[in-house]
Amino acid sequence: MEFVSRRQPRTAWIAWLDSWVADVRVQGLTINTIEAWWYEVSHFAIFSRKDHDGILGIDVVAYLGRGVSNAGMRVGRNALASFSRWAVRTKRLSHDFMTDVPRIKRDKHKQLPAPPIARDLGLSSTDWRVRLMVMLAADAGLRRREICQVRTNDVIEDAMGPSLVVHGKGEKDRIVPLTDLLATEIRSRPKGWLFPGEHGHLCPDTVYRLVKQVTGWSPHLFRRRFATDLWHATCDVAEVQALLGHESLATTQQYIFSCTEDNRKAMKSLDRYRYHAYEG
């Protein structure tokens, strides 16, 4: 049985999931992607309350439309498409239940970062989990999947102060400096998973739900708040890229939100430069 520490679907799904995971493992996918895909398919199995041979496209559409972000829907669709193709290829299913499921376009619009008042709401929550989740997203730039995988011993210390070893996408760890307050909060929790759950650590959907219920904003938009504030503080997009764990600089630029006031300041700087360069 794969990922035994996680909540498992009904027995009828387990053998199929195990065989599918073995197949995608041979394809060379990273363990983080495999676990994320396994979670999506197993969660879909629980959500649909159907056996694998009774799945229809409308069941998938209902699952994808349950209220997650555009990126979350894309991950879910990719996972279920892989599972369905595998089931047809291995003759476990006679039809691809993803045929009638529409493709999900990548969201190319810049999303507004969570406002400072939303961060204040999160930090004043009576639920310690929400406080830490908001701090990890807004003050350290973690993704929700990275948040749920934090262990208390991931906090390290050097001459410069405390940092966190973040277990990022593609099995790529990165080191993110922490504020003293956040480091102390993490170290004060019992050893092990920072956010323990019934089957190991909490799942990313739970992180999303808890933060959204208290603040009205998703963890991803607190991550954008971190990126935007860091950009304004440093004007160093490469530093923002490194701390967010992005491979592409273009992806990082989508996270940085510039408002009209920022653009006006830039234009005034241009005017000053031209005055001194051309007329001074």
Protein backbone atom coordinates (compact mmCIF):
# COMPACT_ATOMS: atom_id res chain seq x y z
CA MET A 1 0.00 0.00 0.00
CA GLU A 2 1.40 3.39 -1.05
CA PHE A 3 1.62 6.34 1.38
CA VAL A 4 0.30 4.35 4.31
CA SER A 5 0.45 7.36 6.63
CA ARG A 6 -2.14 9.18 4.52
CA ARG A 7 -5.89 8.69 4.51
CA GLN A 8 -6.71 5.81 2.17
CA PRO A 9 -9.70 5.47 -0.19
CA ARG A 10 -12.03 2.51 -0.27
CA THR A 11 -10.39 -0.92 -0.61
CA ALA A 12 -11.48 -1.31 -4.24
CA TRP A 13 -9.24 1.62 -5.23
CA ILE A 14 -6.06 0.71 -3.34
CA ALA A 15 -4.67 -2.01 -5.65
CA TRP A 16 -5.31 0.17 -8.71
CA LEU A 17 -3.63 3.17 -7.10
CA ASP A 18 -0.60 1.10 -6.11
CA SER A 19 -0.17 -0.22 -9.67
CA TRP A 20 -0.64 3.24 -11.16
CA VAL A 21 1.94 4.75 -8.77
CA ALA A 22 4.43 2.04 -9.78
CA ASP A 23 3.83 3.00 -13.41
CA VAL A 24 4.35 6.75 -12.96
CA ARG A 25 7.41 6.07 -10.82
CA VAL A 26 9.03 4.35 -13.80
CA GLN A 27 8.25 7.46 -15.86
CA GLY A 28 10.71 9.37 -13.65
CA LEU A 29 8.31 11.71 -11.86
CA THR A 30 9.59 13.16 -8.60
CA ILE A 31 8.34 11.74 -5.32
CA ASN A 32 6.63 15.05 -4.51
CA THR A 33 4.71 14.98 -7.79
CA ILE A 34 3.81 11.32 -7.32
CA GLU A 35 2.53 11.95 -3.81
CA ALA A 36 0.60 15.05 -4.96
CA TRP A 37 -1.00 13.07 -7.79
CA TRP A 38 -1.73 10.10 -5.54
CA TYR A 39 -3.40 12.45 -3.08
CA GLU A 40 -5.57 13.99 -5.80
CA VAL A 41 -6.77 10.63 -7.16
CA SER A 42 -7.34 9.11 -3.72
CA HIS A 43 -9.14 12.26 -2.55
CA PHE A 44 -11.27 12.13 -5.70
CA ALA A 45 -12.12 8.49 -4.91
CA ILE A 46 -13.32 9.51 -1.45
CA PHE A 47 -15.14 12.57 -2.80
CA SER A 48 -16.97 10.70 -5.56
CA ARG A 49 -18.01 7.73 -3.39
CA LYS A 50 -17.86 5.53 -6.49
CA ASP A 51 -15.83 2.53 -7.57
CA HIS A 52 -13.21 3.18 -10.23
CA ASP A 53 -15.20 1.48 -12.99
CA GLY A 54 -18.22 3.75 -12.44
CA ILE A 55 -16.52 7.12 -12.84
CA LEU A 56 -17.95 9.64 -15.30
CA GLY A 57 -16.66 12.96 -16.56
CA ILE A 58 -19.31 14.83 -14.57
CA ASP A 59 -17.87 13.32 -11.38
CA VAL A 60 -14.47 14.78 -12.22
CA VAL A 61 -15.97 18.18 -13.06
CA ALA A 62 -17.75 18.22 -9.68
CA TYR A 63 -14.48 17.37 -7.91
CA LEU A 64 -12.42 19.98 -9.74
CA GLY A 65 -15.07 22.63 -9.11
CA ARG A 66 -15.20 22.14 -5.36
CA GLY A 67 -13.60 25.53 -4.65
CA VAL A 68 -9.82 25.24 -5.04
CA SER A 69 -7.55 27.60 -6.98
CA ASN A 70 -6.91 27.45 -10.70
CA ALA A 71 -3.52 25.86 -10.01
CA GLY A 72 -5.17 23.30 -7.72
CA MET A 73 -7.66 22.38 -10.43
CA ARG A 74 -4.83 21.92 -12.92
CA VAL A 75 -2.95 19.57 -10.61
CA GLY A 76 -6.11 17.56 -9.99
CA ARG A 77 -6.91 17.31 -13.69
CA ASN A 78 -3.35 16.25 -14.58
CA ALA A 79 -3.38 13.54 -11.91
CA LEU A 80 -6.76 12.14 -12.93
CA ALA A 81 -5.83 12.28 -16.62
CA SER A 82 -2.70 10.24 -15.91
CA PHE A 83 -4.69 7.71 -13.89
CA SER A 84 -7.41 7.37 -16.53
CA ARG A 85 -4.89 6.94 -19.40
CA TRP A 86 -3.07 4.28 -17.41
CA ALA A 87 -6.31 2.41 -16.66
CA VAL A 88 -7.29 2.38 -20.36
CA ARG A 89 -3.77 1.40 -21.50
CA THR A 90 -3.66 -1.52 -19.07
CA LYS A 91 -7.21 -2.54 -20.11
CA ARG A 92 -8.62 -2.00 -16.63
CA LEU A 93 -11.11 0.47 -18.10
CA SER A 94 -12.70 0.42 -21.53
CA HIS A 95 -13.10 4.19 -21.77
CA ASP A 96 -11.19 7.32 -20.75
CA PHE A 97 -13.44 9.13 -18.26
CA MET A 98 -11.46 12.35 -18.83
CA THR A 99 -12.61 12.68 -22.45
CA ASP A 100 -15.47 15.02 -21.58
CA VAL A 101 -13.62 16.97 -18.89
CA PRO A 102 -12.67 20.46 -20.18
CA ARG A 103 -9.07 21.57 -20.11
CA ILE A 104 -8.15 24.19 -17.55
CA LYS A 105 -6.25 27.17 -18.88
CA ARG A 106 -3.29 28.44 -16.96
CA ASP A 107 -4.24 31.62 -15.12
CA LYS A 108 -2.11 34.32 -16.74
CA HIS A 109 -3.60 37.22 -14.81
CA LYS A 110 -1.73 38.64 -11.89
CA GLN A 111 -3.62 37.95 -8.69
CA LEU A 112 -3.83 40.57 -5.99
CA PRO A 113 -1.75 39.65 -2.95
CA ALA A 114 -3.55 39.27 0.36
CA PRO A 115 -3.83 42.71 2.03
CA PRO A 116 -2.00 43.49 5.30
CA ILE A 117 -5.32 43.42 7.20
CA ALA A 118 -5.78 39.77 6.17
CA ARG A 119 -2.37 38.93 7.63
CA ASP A 120 -3.40 40.69 10.84
CA LEU A 121 -6.57 38.57 10.97
CA GLY A 122 -4.52 35.42 10.61
CA LEU A 123 -2.02 36.41 13.29
CA SER A 124 -4.83 37.23 15.73
CA SER A 125 -6.57 33.87 15.23
CA THR A 126 -7.19 31.75 18.32
CA ASP A 127 -6.17 28.70 16.28
CA TRP A 128 -2.38 28.39 16.56
CA ARG A 129 -2.33 26.43 13.29
CA VAL A 130 -3.80 29.33 11.34
CA ARG A 131 -1.34 31.78 12.90
CA LEU A 132 1.61 29.64 11.87
CA MET A 133 0.22 28.86 8.42
CA VAL A 134 -0.26 32.57 7.68
CA MET A 135 3.22 33.39 8.98
CA LEU A 136 4.82 30.64 6.89
CA ALA A 137 3.05 31.88 3.75
CA ALA A 138 3.27 35.66 4.32
CA ASP A 139 6.60 35.87 6.14
CA ALA A 140 8.51 32.99 4.53
CA GLY A 141 6.78 32.54 1.17
CA LEU A 142 5.88 28.86 1.48
CA ARG A 143 3.40 27.04 -0.76
CA ARG A 144 0.53 25.31 1.06
CA ARG A 145 2.00 21.88 0.23
CA GLU A 146 5.31 23.03 1.73
CA ILE A 147 3.52 24.36 4.81
CA CYS A 148 1.91 21.03 5.64
CA GLN A 149 5.28 19.22 5.27
CA VAL A 150 7.18 21.35 7.80
CA ARG A 151 8.75 19.47 10.72
CA THR A 152 9.86 21.19 13.90
CA ASN A 153 13.46 20.05 13.33
CA ASP A 154 13.52 21.79 9.93
CA VAL A 155 14.47 24.99 11.80
CA ILE A 156 18.25 25.41 11.73
CA GLU A 157 20.53 28.04 13.24
CA ASP A 158 23.74 29.64 12.06
CA ALA A 159 25.69 32.78 12.85
CA MET A 160 23.18 34.85 10.84
CA GLY A 161 20.12 33.58 12.73
CA PRO A 162 17.34 30.99 12.30
CA SER A 163 16.32 29.54 8.94
CA LEU A 164 13.93 26.89 7.69
CA VAL A 165 14.74 23.97 5.40
CA VAL A 166 11.78 24.03 2.99
CA HIS A 167 10.96 20.82 1.15
CA GLY A 168 9.94 22.27 -2.20
CA LYS A 169 8.64 21.07 -5.54
CA GLY A 170 10.70 18.56 -7.51
CA GLU A 171 12.48 17.31 -4.36
CA LYS A 172 14.39 20.59 -4.24
CA ASP A 173 15.02 21.87 -0.75
CA ARG A 174 15.78 25.53 -0.15
CA ILE A 175 16.83 27.54 2.88
CA VAL A 176 14.57 30.44 3.89
CA PRO A 177 15.59 32.82 6.72
CA LEU A 178 13.01 33.13 9.48
CA THR A 179 12.06 35.91 11.83
CA ASP A 180 12.93 35.18 15.45
CA LEU A 181 9.20 35.15 16.27
CA LEU A 182 8.36 32.52 13.64
CA ALA A 183 11.35 30.36 14.58
CA THR A 184 10.32 30.48 18.25
CA GLU A 185 6.71 29.59 17.39
CA ILE A 186 7.82 26.53 15.41
CA ARG A 187 10.29 25.36 18.04
CA SER A 188 7.63 25.62 20.75
CA ARG A 189 5.55 22.85 19.15
CA PRO A 190 6.02 19.14 19.93
CA LYS A 191 8.67 17.34 17.89
CA GLY A 192 7.62 15.90 14.55
CA TRP A 193 5.18 17.30 12.00
CA LEU A 194 4.37 20.93 12.71
CA PHE A 195 0.76 20.28 11.65
CA PRO A 196 0.03 16.66 12.56
CA GLY A 197 -3.07 15.03 11.16
CA GLU A 198 -4.93 11.78 11.51
CA HIS A 199 -2.79 10.18 8.82
CA GLY A 200 0.59 11.90 9.28
CA HIS A 201 0.57 15.62 8.51
CA LEU A 202 -2.39 17.76 7.45
CA CYS A 203 -3.19 17.76 3.74
CA PRO A 204 -2.81 20.88 1.54
CA ASP A 205 -6.59 21.23 1.19
CA THR A 206 -6.91 21.52 4.97
CA VAL A 207 -4.27 24.27 5.01
CA TYR A 208 -6.25 26.09 2.31
CA ARG A 209 -9.56 25.69 4.15
CA LEU A 210 -8.30 26.81 7.57
CA VAL A 211 -6.55 29.93 6.27
CA LYS A 212 -9.39 30.90 3.92
CA GLN A 213 -12.06 30.49 6.62
CA VAL A 214 -10.28 32.83 9.05
CA THR A 215 -8.80 35.44 6.70
CA GLY A 216 -10.93 35.28 3.56
CA TRP A 217 -7.76 34.81 1.48
CA SER A 218 -5.97 31.69 0.29
CA PRO A 219 -2.44 30.69 1.41
CA HIS A 220 -1.24 31.26 -2.16
CA LEU A 221 -2.20 34.94 -1.97
CA PHE A 222 -0.23 35.33 1.27
CA ARG A 223 2.73 33.87 -0.64
CA ARG A 224 2.16 36.60 -3.22
CA ARG A 225 2.09 39.16 -0.38
CA PHE A 226 5.52 37.89 0.67
CA ALA A 227 6.84 38.17 -2.90
CA THR A 228 5.46 41.67 -3.44
CA ASP A 229 6.72 43.04 -0.12
CA LEU A 230 10.14 41.45 -0.61
CA TRP A 231 10.39 43.02 -4.06
CA HIS A 232 9.53 46.47 -2.72
CA ALA A 233 12.05 46.04 0.11
CA THR A 234 14.95 44.79 -2.03
CA CYS A 235 14.18 45.58 -5.70
CA ASP A 236 16.02 42.29 -6.37
CA VAL A 237 13.86 39.93 -8.42
CA ALA A 238 16.56 37.23 -8.35
CA GLU A 239 16.42 37.19 -4.55
CA VAL A 240 12.62 36.90 -4.67
CA GLN A 241 12.96 34.03 -7.14
CA ALA A 242 15.38 32.15 -4.88
CA LEU A 243 13.25 32.52 -1.76
CA LEU A 244 10.07 31.46 -3.57
CA GLY A 245 11.80 28.41 -5.04
CA HIS A 246 10.97 29.24 -8.66
CA GLU A 247 12.98 27.82 -11.56
CA SER A 248 11.75 30.50 -13.96
CA LEU A 249 12.25 34.21 -13.49
CA ALA A 250 9.11 34.76 -15.58
CA THR A 251 7.08 32.88 -12.98
CA THR A 252 8.47 35.09 -10.21
CA GLN A 253 7.54 38.24 -12.14
CA GLN A 254 3.92 37.07 -12.17
CA TYR A 255 3.99 37.10 -8.35
CA ILE A 256 5.13 40.70 -8.01
CA PHE A 257 2.22 43.09 -7.95
CA SER A 258 2.85 46.71 -8.84
CA CYS A 259 0.07 49.18 -8.13
CA THR A 260 -0.60 52.54 -9.83
CA GLU A 261 1.31 54.34 -7.07
CA ASP A 262 4.42 52.23 -7.81
CA ASN A 263 4.15 53.00 -11.53
CA ARG A 264 3.73 56.71 -10.82
CA LYS A 265 6.88 56.69 -8.66
CA ALA A 266 8.76 55.04 -11.51
CA MET A 267 7.59 57.71 -13.96
CA LYS A 268 8.64 60.49 -11.58
CA SER A 269 12.06 58.85 -11.26
CA LEU A 270 12.28 58.81 -15.06
CA ASP A 271 11.43 62.51 -15.21
CA ARG A 272 14.11 63.34 -12.61
CA TYR A 273 16.68 61.27 -14.49
CA ARG A 274 15.95 62.95 -17.80
CA TYR A 275 16.03 66.41 -16.25
CA HIS A 276 19.49 65.84 -14.77
CA ALA A 277 20.81 63.86 -17.76
CA TYR A 278 19.58 66.11 -20.55
CA GLU A 279 19.13 69.52 -18.99
CA GLY A 280 21.35 69.54 -15.94
